[in-house]
Amino acid sequence: MDSFDYDRPDGQASLGLVLIADPFIEQTAPLTSMFRKLGYDVVRSSTLADAMSACSLTPPNFVLTEMRFPDGSGMKLVHWIAEHLPSTRIIAHTWFADIPTAVAVTKAGADDLVPKPTDQELLVSILLLGPDKVPRECRIETPDRLRREHVEEIMRSSASNVSEAARKLHLHRRSLQRMLKRYEDEASPRT
């Protein structure tokens, strides 16, 4: 387990503690530097046991964790932190990101799952600010939003001809009509 004390100018207090748990700890050095420059103390661990021990010794404000370790699953760390340190923001940052893992890790108590590789500034923003406060232009779009934008683009390129758009989208015409109706209902204000 690596611990870094940051020499802050004018004796400024730390803004909080960030735990980075990743078996490839050497690859986390740039993130560590970024957090330190922002005024956070950082503890890094390369094993699940070290990460849990670090959380027990000094509860972190933020945790960035991989999901696979040589000595166990990051899911165990997420469960433990969610149960014992409920105010700690947890982001799973993993090479093993898929929909079932994202669902499982958020149900376990993580705030989000971010696939690797990810822009470090975006990752830091998601961890420190939360996904809702990340600038709109930097957000990772949801699949539903991307699908809707694609359908709308195909409709524009088809001059709003539903049959032609359905052929381009490989959908049945009635399925596309239902989808467009749902989008219309979502866009209209509720009274």
C-alpha atoms as a PDB file:
ATOM      1  CA  MET A   1       0.000   0.000   0.000  1.00  0.00           C
ATOM      2  CA  ASP A   2       1.381   3.379  -1.020  1.00  0.00           C
ATOM      3  CA  SER A   3       0.593   6.553   0.886  1.00  0.00           C
ATOM      4  CA  PHE A   4       1.413  10.004  -0.353  1.00  0.00           C
ATOM      5  CA  ASP A   5       1.534  13.106   1.797  1.00  0.00           C
ATOM      6  CA  TYR A   6       1.060  16.217  -0.258  1.00  0.00           C
ATOM      7  CA  ASP A   7       2.959  19.346   0.707  1.00  0.00           C
ATOM      8  CA  ARG A   8       0.307  22.012   0.400  1.00  0.00           C
ATOM      9  CA  PRO A   9       1.258  25.677   0.141  1.00  0.00           C
ATOM     10  CA  ASP A  10       0.596  27.787   3.231  1.00  0.00           C
ATOM     11  CA  GLY A  11      -0.261  24.679   5.273  1.00  0.00           C
ATOM     12  CA  GLN A  12      -3.670  24.250   3.610  1.00  0.00           C
ATOM     13  CA  ALA A  13      -5.712  21.358   4.943  1.00  0.00           C
ATOM     14  CA  SER A  14      -6.461  18.351   2.768  1.00  0.00           C
ATOM     15  CA  LEU A  15      -9.760  18.433   0.904  1.00  0.00           C
ATOM     16  CA  GLY A  16     -10.201  14.744   1.653  1.00  0.00           C
ATOM     17  CA  LEU A  17      -8.766  11.287   1.137  1.00  0.00           C
ATOM     18  CA  VAL A  18      -8.928   9.360  -2.140  1.00  0.00           C
ATOM     19  CA  LEU A  19      -8.309   5.601  -2.190  1.00  0.00           C
ATOM     20  CA  ILE A  20      -7.197   4.208  -5.541  1.00  0.00           C
ATOM     21  CA  ALA A  21      -7.426   0.409  -5.545  1.00  0.00           C
ATOM     22  CA  ASP A  22      -5.968  -1.153  -8.667  1.00  0.00           C
ATOM     23  CA  PRO A  23      -3.766  -4.226  -9.180  1.00  0.00           C
ATOM     24  CA  PHE A  24      -1.850  -2.244 -11.828  1.00  0.00           C
ATOM     25  CA  ILE A  25      -0.860   0.421  -9.320  1.00  0.00           C
ATOM     26  CA  GLU A  26       1.992   1.770 -11.440  1.00  0.00           C
ATOM     27  CA  GLN A  27      -0.583   2.928 -14.010  1.00  0.00           C
ATOM     28  CA  THR A  28      -2.360   5.085 -11.421  1.00  0.00           C
ATOM     29  CA  ALA A  29       0.537   7.520 -10.917  1.00  0.00           C
ATOM     30  CA  PRO A  30      -0.909  10.229 -13.231  1.00  0.00           C
ATOM     31  CA  LEU A  31      -4.272  10.078 -11.411  1.00  0.00           C
ATOM     32  CA  THR A  32      -2.494  10.263  -8.073  1.00  0.00           C
ATOM     33  CA  SER A  33      -0.634  13.386  -9.186  1.00  0.00           C
ATOM     34  CA  MET A  34      -3.856  14.978 -10.409  1.00  0.00           C
ATOM     35  CA  PHE A  35      -5.652  14.376  -7.093  1.00  0.00           C
ATOM     36  CA  ARG A  36      -2.658  15.669  -5.143  1.00  0.00           C
ATOM     37  CA  LYS A  37      -2.530  18.866  -7.222  1.00  0.00           C
ATOM     38  CA  LEU A  38      -6.212  19.397  -6.450  1.00  0.00           C
ATOM     39  CA  GLY A  39      -5.442  19.174  -2.707  1.00  0.00           C
ATOM     40  CA  TYR A  40      -6.422  15.598  -1.864  1.00  0.00           C
ATOM     41  CA  ASP A  41      -4.428  13.000   0.047  1.00  0.00           C
ATOM     42  CA  VAL A  42      -4.130   9.725  -1.842  1.00  0.00           C
ATOM     43  CA  VAL A  43      -3.683   6.139  -0.712  1.00  0.00           C
ATOM     44  CA  ARG A  44      -3.046   3.499  -3.376  1.00  0.00           C
ATOM     45  CA  SER A  45      -3.398  -0.230  -2.966  1.00  0.00           C
ATOM     46  CA  SER A  46      -2.763  -3.069  -5.369  1.00  0.00           C
ATOM     47  CA  THR A  47      -4.667  -5.776  -3.485  1.00  0.00           C
ATOM     48  CA  LEU A  48      -8.167  -6.113  -2.159  1.00  0.00           C
ATOM     49  CA  ALA A  49      -6.854  -6.844   1.348  1.00  0.00           C
ATOM     50  CA  ASP A  50      -4.747  -3.655   1.382  1.00  0.00           C
ATOM     51  CA  ALA A  51      -7.686  -1.597   0.109  1.00  0.00           C
ATOM     52  CA  MET A  52     -10.004  -2.885   2.838  1.00  0.00           C
ATOM     53  CA  SER A  53      -7.310  -2.362   5.457  1.00  0.00           C
ATOM     54  CA  ALA A  54      -6.789   1.229   4.266  1.00  0.00           C
ATOM     55  CA  CYS A  55     -10.530   1.898   4.520  1.00  0.00           C
ATOM     56  CA  SER A  56     -10.579   0.537   8.079  1.00  0.00           C
ATOM     57  CA  LEU A  57      -7.607   2.659   9.178  1.00  0.00           C
ATOM     58  CA  THR A  58      -8.620   5.972   7.620  1.00  0.00           C
ATOM     59  CA  PRO A  59     -12.029   6.164   5.966  1.00  0.00           C
ATOM     60  CA  PRO A  60     -11.678   7.682   2.483  1.00  0.00           C
ATOM     61  CA  ASN A  61     -14.002  10.316   1.076  1.00  0.00           C
ATOM     62  CA  PHE A  62     -13.656   8.876  -2.424  1.00  0.00           C
ATOM     63  CA  VAL A  63     -12.781   5.425  -3.764  1.00  0.00           C
ATOM     64  CA  LEU A  64     -11.733   4.544  -7.278  1.00  0.00           C
ATOM     65  CA  THR A  65     -11.554   0.771  -7.641  1.00  0.00           C
ATOM     66  CA  GLU A  66     -10.831  -1.859 -10.252  1.00  0.00           C
ATOM     67  CA  MET A  67     -13.175  -4.859 -10.124  1.00  0.00           C
ATOM     68  CA  ARG A  68     -10.653  -7.715 -10.360  1.00  0.00           C
ATOM     69  CA  PHE A  69      -7.758  -8.249  -7.960  1.00  0.00           C
ATOM     70  CA  PRO A  70      -5.401 -11.204  -7.513  1.00  0.00           C
ATOM     71  CA  ASP A  71      -6.923 -11.781  -4.068  1.00  0.00           C
ATOM     72  CA  GLY A  72     -10.618 -11.275  -4.822  1.00  0.00           C
ATOM     73  CA  SER A  73     -13.360  -9.201  -6.409  1.00  0.00           C
ATOM     74  CA  GLY A  74     -13.692  -5.442  -6.141  1.00  0.00           C
ATOM     75  CA  MET A  75     -17.381  -6.099  -5.528  1.00  0.00           C
ATOM     76  CA  LYS A  76     -16.446  -7.151  -1.988  1.00  0.00           C
ATOM     77  CA  LEU A  77     -14.796  -3.744  -1.446  1.00  0.00           C
ATOM     78  CA  VAL A  78     -17.824  -1.907  -2.840  1.00  0.00           C
ATOM     79  CA  HIS A  79     -20.202  -3.863  -0.554  1.00  0.00           C
ATOM     80  CA  TRP A  80     -18.014  -3.259   2.507  1.00  0.00           C
ATOM     81  CA  ILE A  81     -17.658   0.489   1.877  1.00  0.00           C
ATOM     82  CA  ALA A  82     -21.375   0.899   1.124  1.00  0.00           C
ATOM     83  CA  GLU A  83     -22.236  -0.837   4.387  1.00  0.00           C
ATOM     84  CA  HIS A  84     -19.616   0.714   6.697  1.00  0.00           C
ATOM     85  CA  LEU A  85     -18.860   4.094   5.049  1.00  0.00           C
ATOM     86  CA  PRO A  86     -22.116   5.141   3.359  1.00  0.00           C
ATOM     87  CA  SER A  87     -20.986   8.732   2.729  1.00  0.00           C
ATOM     88  CA  THR A  88     -17.987   7.583   0.657  1.00  0.00           C
ATOM     89  CA  ARG A  89     -18.397   8.096  -3.101  1.00  0.00           C
ATOM     90  CA  ILE A  90     -17.360   4.944  -4.996  1.00  0.00           C
ATOM     91  CA  ILE A  91     -16.541   4.693  -8.684  1.00  0.00           C
ATOM     92  CA  ALA A  92     -15.639   1.360 -10.276  1.00  0.00           C
ATOM     93  CA  HIS A  93     -13.051   2.050 -12.986  1.00  0.00           C
ATOM     94  CA  THR A  94     -12.429  -1.199 -14.787  1.00  0.00           C
ATOM     95  CA  TRP A  95     -11.309  -2.967 -17.939  1.00  0.00           C
ATOM     96  CA  PHE A  96     -14.109  -5.449 -17.273  1.00  0.00           C
ATOM     97  CA  ALA A  97     -17.040  -3.088 -17.834  1.00  0.00           C
ATOM     98  CA  ASP A  98     -20.270  -4.460 -19.230  1.00  0.00           C
ATOM     99  CA  ILE A  99     -23.959  -3.915 -18.530  1.00  0.00           C
ATOM    100  CA  PRO A 100     -24.368  -6.767 -15.978  1.00  0.00           C
ATOM    101  CA  THR A 101     -21.291  -5.560 -14.061  1.00  0.00           C
ATOM    102  CA  ALA A 102     -22.539  -1.957 -14.109  1.00  0.00           C
ATOM    103  CA  VAL A 103     -25.917  -3.039 -12.744  1.00  0.00           C
ATOM    104  CA  ALA A 104     -24.365  -5.264 -10.068  1.00  0.00           C
ATOM    105  CA  VAL A 105     -21.824  -2.692  -8.908  1.00  0.00           C
ATOM    106  CA  THR A 106     -24.390   0.123  -8.638  1.00  0.00           C
ATOM    107  CA  LYS A 107     -26.787  -2.168  -6.762  1.00  0.00           C
ATOM    108  CA  ALA A 108     -23.900  -2.988  -4.413  1.00  0.00           C
ATOM    109  CA  GLY A 109     -23.449   0.698  -3.600  1.00  0.00           C
ATOM    110  CA  ALA A 110     -21.124   2.248  -6.177  1.00  0.00           C
ATOM    111  CA  ASP A 111     -22.087   5.612  -7.591  1.00  0.00           C
ATOM    112  CA  ASP A 112     -21.020   4.708 -11.102  1.00  0.00           C
ATOM    113  CA  LEU A 113     -18.992   2.365 -13.280  1.00  0.00           C
ATOM    114  CA  VAL A 114     -16.571   3.964 -15.744  1.00  0.00           C
ATOM    115  CA  PRO A 115     -14.852   1.747 -18.325  1.00  0.00           C
ATOM    116  CA  LYS A 116     -11.104   1.898 -18.893  1.00  0.00           C
ATOM    117  CA  PRO A 117      -9.521   3.669 -20.627  1.00  0.00           C
ATOM    118  CA  THR A 118     -11.164   6.977 -19.734  1.00  0.00           C
ATOM    119  CA  ASP A 119      -9.929  10.545 -19.945  1.00  0.00           C
ATOM    120  CA  GLN A 120      -8.415  11.281 -16.541  1.00  0.00           C
ATOM    121  CA  GLU A 121     -10.011  14.720 -16.152  1.00  0.00           C
ATOM    122  CA  LEU A 122     -13.438  13.258 -16.856  1.00  0.00           C
ATOM    123  CA  LEU A 123     -12.786  10.432 -14.393  1.00  0.00           C
ATOM    124  CA  VAL A 124     -11.711  12.868 -11.660  1.00  0.00           C
ATOM    125  CA  SER A 125     -14.802  15.019 -12.342  1.00  0.00           C
ATOM    126  CA  ILE A 126     -17.130  12.014 -12.097  1.00  0.00           C
ATOM    127  CA  LEU A 127     -15.523  10.891  -8.834  1.00  0.00           C
ATOM    128  CA  LEU A 128     -15.347  14.291  -7.133  1.00  0.00           C
ATOM    129  CA  LEU A 129     -18.476  15.972  -8.509  1.00  0.00           C
ATOM    130  CA  GLY A 130     -20.759  13.080  -9.341  1.00  0.00           C
ATOM    131  CA  PRO A 131     -22.023  12.162 -12.799  1.00  0.00           C
ATOM    132  CA  ASP A 132     -24.862  14.709 -12.677  1.00  0.00           C
ATOM    133  CA  LYS A 133     -22.498  17.667 -12.210  1.00  0.00           C
ATOM    134  CA  VAL A 134     -20.092  16.781 -15.006  1.00  0.00           C
ATOM    135  CA  PRO A 135     -20.451  19.352 -17.810  1.00  0.00           C
ATOM    136  CA  ARG A 136     -23.011  18.212 -20.368  1.00  0.00           C
ATOM    137  CA  GLU A 137     -20.488  18.140 -23.228  1.00  0.00           C
ATOM    138  CA  CYS A 138     -18.301  15.735 -21.209  1.00  0.00           C
ATOM    139  CA  ARG A 139     -21.017  13.292 -20.164  1.00  0.00           C
ATOM    140  CA  ILE A 140     -21.133   9.756 -21.399  1.00  0.00           C
ATOM    141  CA  GLU A 141     -24.455   9.476 -23.187  1.00  0.00           C
ATOM    142  CA  THR A 142     -26.882   6.775 -22.174  1.00  0.00           C
ATOM    143  CA  PRO A 143     -27.675   4.084 -24.760  1.00  0.00           C
ATOM    144  CA  ASP A 144     -31.325   5.236 -24.935  1.00  0.00           C
ATOM    145  CA  ARG A 145     -30.246   8.784 -25.711  1.00  0.00           C
ATOM    146  CA  LEU A 146     -27.822   7.610 -28.404  1.00  0.00           C
ATOM    147  CA  ARG A 147     -30.494   5.364 -29.947  1.00  0.00           C
ATOM    148  CA  ARG A 148     -32.999   8.216 -29.994  1.00  0.00           C
ATOM    149  CA  GLU A 149     -30.520  10.585 -31.653  1.00  0.00           C
ATOM    150  CA  HIS A 150     -29.738   7.934 -34.276  1.00  0.00           C
ATOM    151  CA  VAL A 151     -33.430   7.345 -35.024  1.00  0.00           C
ATOM    152  CA  GLU A 152     -34.045  11.099 -35.279  1.00  0.00           C
ATOM    153  CA  GLU A 153     -31.096  11.484 -37.677  1.00  0.00           C
ATOM    154  CA  ILE A 154     -32.385   8.641 -39.883  1.00  0.00           C
ATOM    155  CA  MET A 155     -35.846  10.222 -39.879  1.00  0.00           C
ATOM    156  CA  ARG A 156     -34.351  13.556 -41.016  1.00  0.00           C
ATOM    157  CA  SER A 157     -32.298  11.875 -43.766  1.00  0.00           C
ATOM    158  CA  SER A 158     -35.456  10.052 -44.899  1.00  0.00           C
ATOM    159  CA  ALA A 159     -37.483  13.286 -45.043  1.00  0.00           C
ATOM    160  CA  SER A 160     -39.724  11.917 -42.242  1.00  0.00           C
ATOM    161  CA  ASN A 161     -40.803   8.966 -44.382  1.00  0.00           C
ATOM    162  CA  VAL A 162     -41.474   6.290 -41.757  1.00  0.00           C
ATOM    163  CA  SER A 163     -41.349   3.343 -44.201  1.00  0.00           C
ATOM    164  CA  GLU A 164     -37.988   4.424 -45.650  1.00  0.00           C
ATOM    165  CA  ALA A 165     -36.536   5.132 -42.177  1.00  0.00           C
ATOM    166  CA  ALA A 166     -37.751   1.743 -40.918  1.00  0.00           C
ATOM    167  CA  ARG A 167     -35.936   0.004 -43.807  1.00  0.00           C
ATOM    168  CA  LYS A 168     -32.712   1.903 -43.022  1.00  0.00           C
ATOM    169  CA  LEU A 169     -33.021   1.025 -39.327  1.00  0.00           C
ATOM    170  CA  HIS A 170     -33.928  -2.618 -40.063  1.00  0.00           C
ATOM    171  CA  LEU A 171     -37.154  -2.234 -38.094  1.00  0.00           C
ATOM    172  CA  HIS A 172     -40.761  -3.029 -38.842  1.00  0.00           C
ATOM    173  CA  ARG A 173     -42.654   0.144 -39.756  1.00  0.00           C
ATOM    174  CA  ARG A 174     -45.099  -0.276 -36.847  1.00  0.00           C
ATOM    175  CA  SER A 175     -42.211  -0.730 -34.367  1.00  0.00           C
ATOM    176  CA  LEU A 176     -40.664   2.523 -35.565  1.00  0.00           C
ATOM    177  CA  GLN A 177     -44.037   4.290 -35.281  1.00  0.00           C
ATOM    178  CA  ARG A 178     -44.409   3.100 -31.664  1.00  0.00           C
ATOM    179  CA  MET A 179     -40.855   4.224 -30.909  1.00  0.00           C
ATOM    180  CA  LEU A 180     -41.499   7.689 -32.413  1.00  0.00           C
ATOM    181  CA  LYS A 181     -44.757   7.973 -30.444  1.00  0.00           C
ATOM    182  CA  ARG A 182     -42.890   7.139 -27.224  1.00  0.00           C
ATOM    183  CA  TYR A 183     -40.251   9.799 -28.007  1.00  0.00           C
ATOM    184  CA  GLU A 184     -43.032  12.294 -28.707  1.00  0.00           C
ATOM    185  CA  ASP A 185     -44.754  11.468 -25.400  1.00  0.00           C
ATOM    186  CA  GLU A 186     -41.486  11.848 -23.485  1.00  0.00           C
ATOM    187  CA  ALA A 187     -40.856  15.248 -25.061  1.00  0.00           C
ATOM    188  CA  SER A 188     -44.323  16.691 -24.410  1.00  0.00           C
ATOM    189  CA  PRO A 189     -44.865  18.426 -21.049  1.00  0.00           C
ATOM    190  CA  ARG A 190     -47.072  16.617 -18.574  1.00  0.00           C
ATOM    191  CA  THR A 191     -50.151  18.438 -17.372  1.00  0.00           C
END
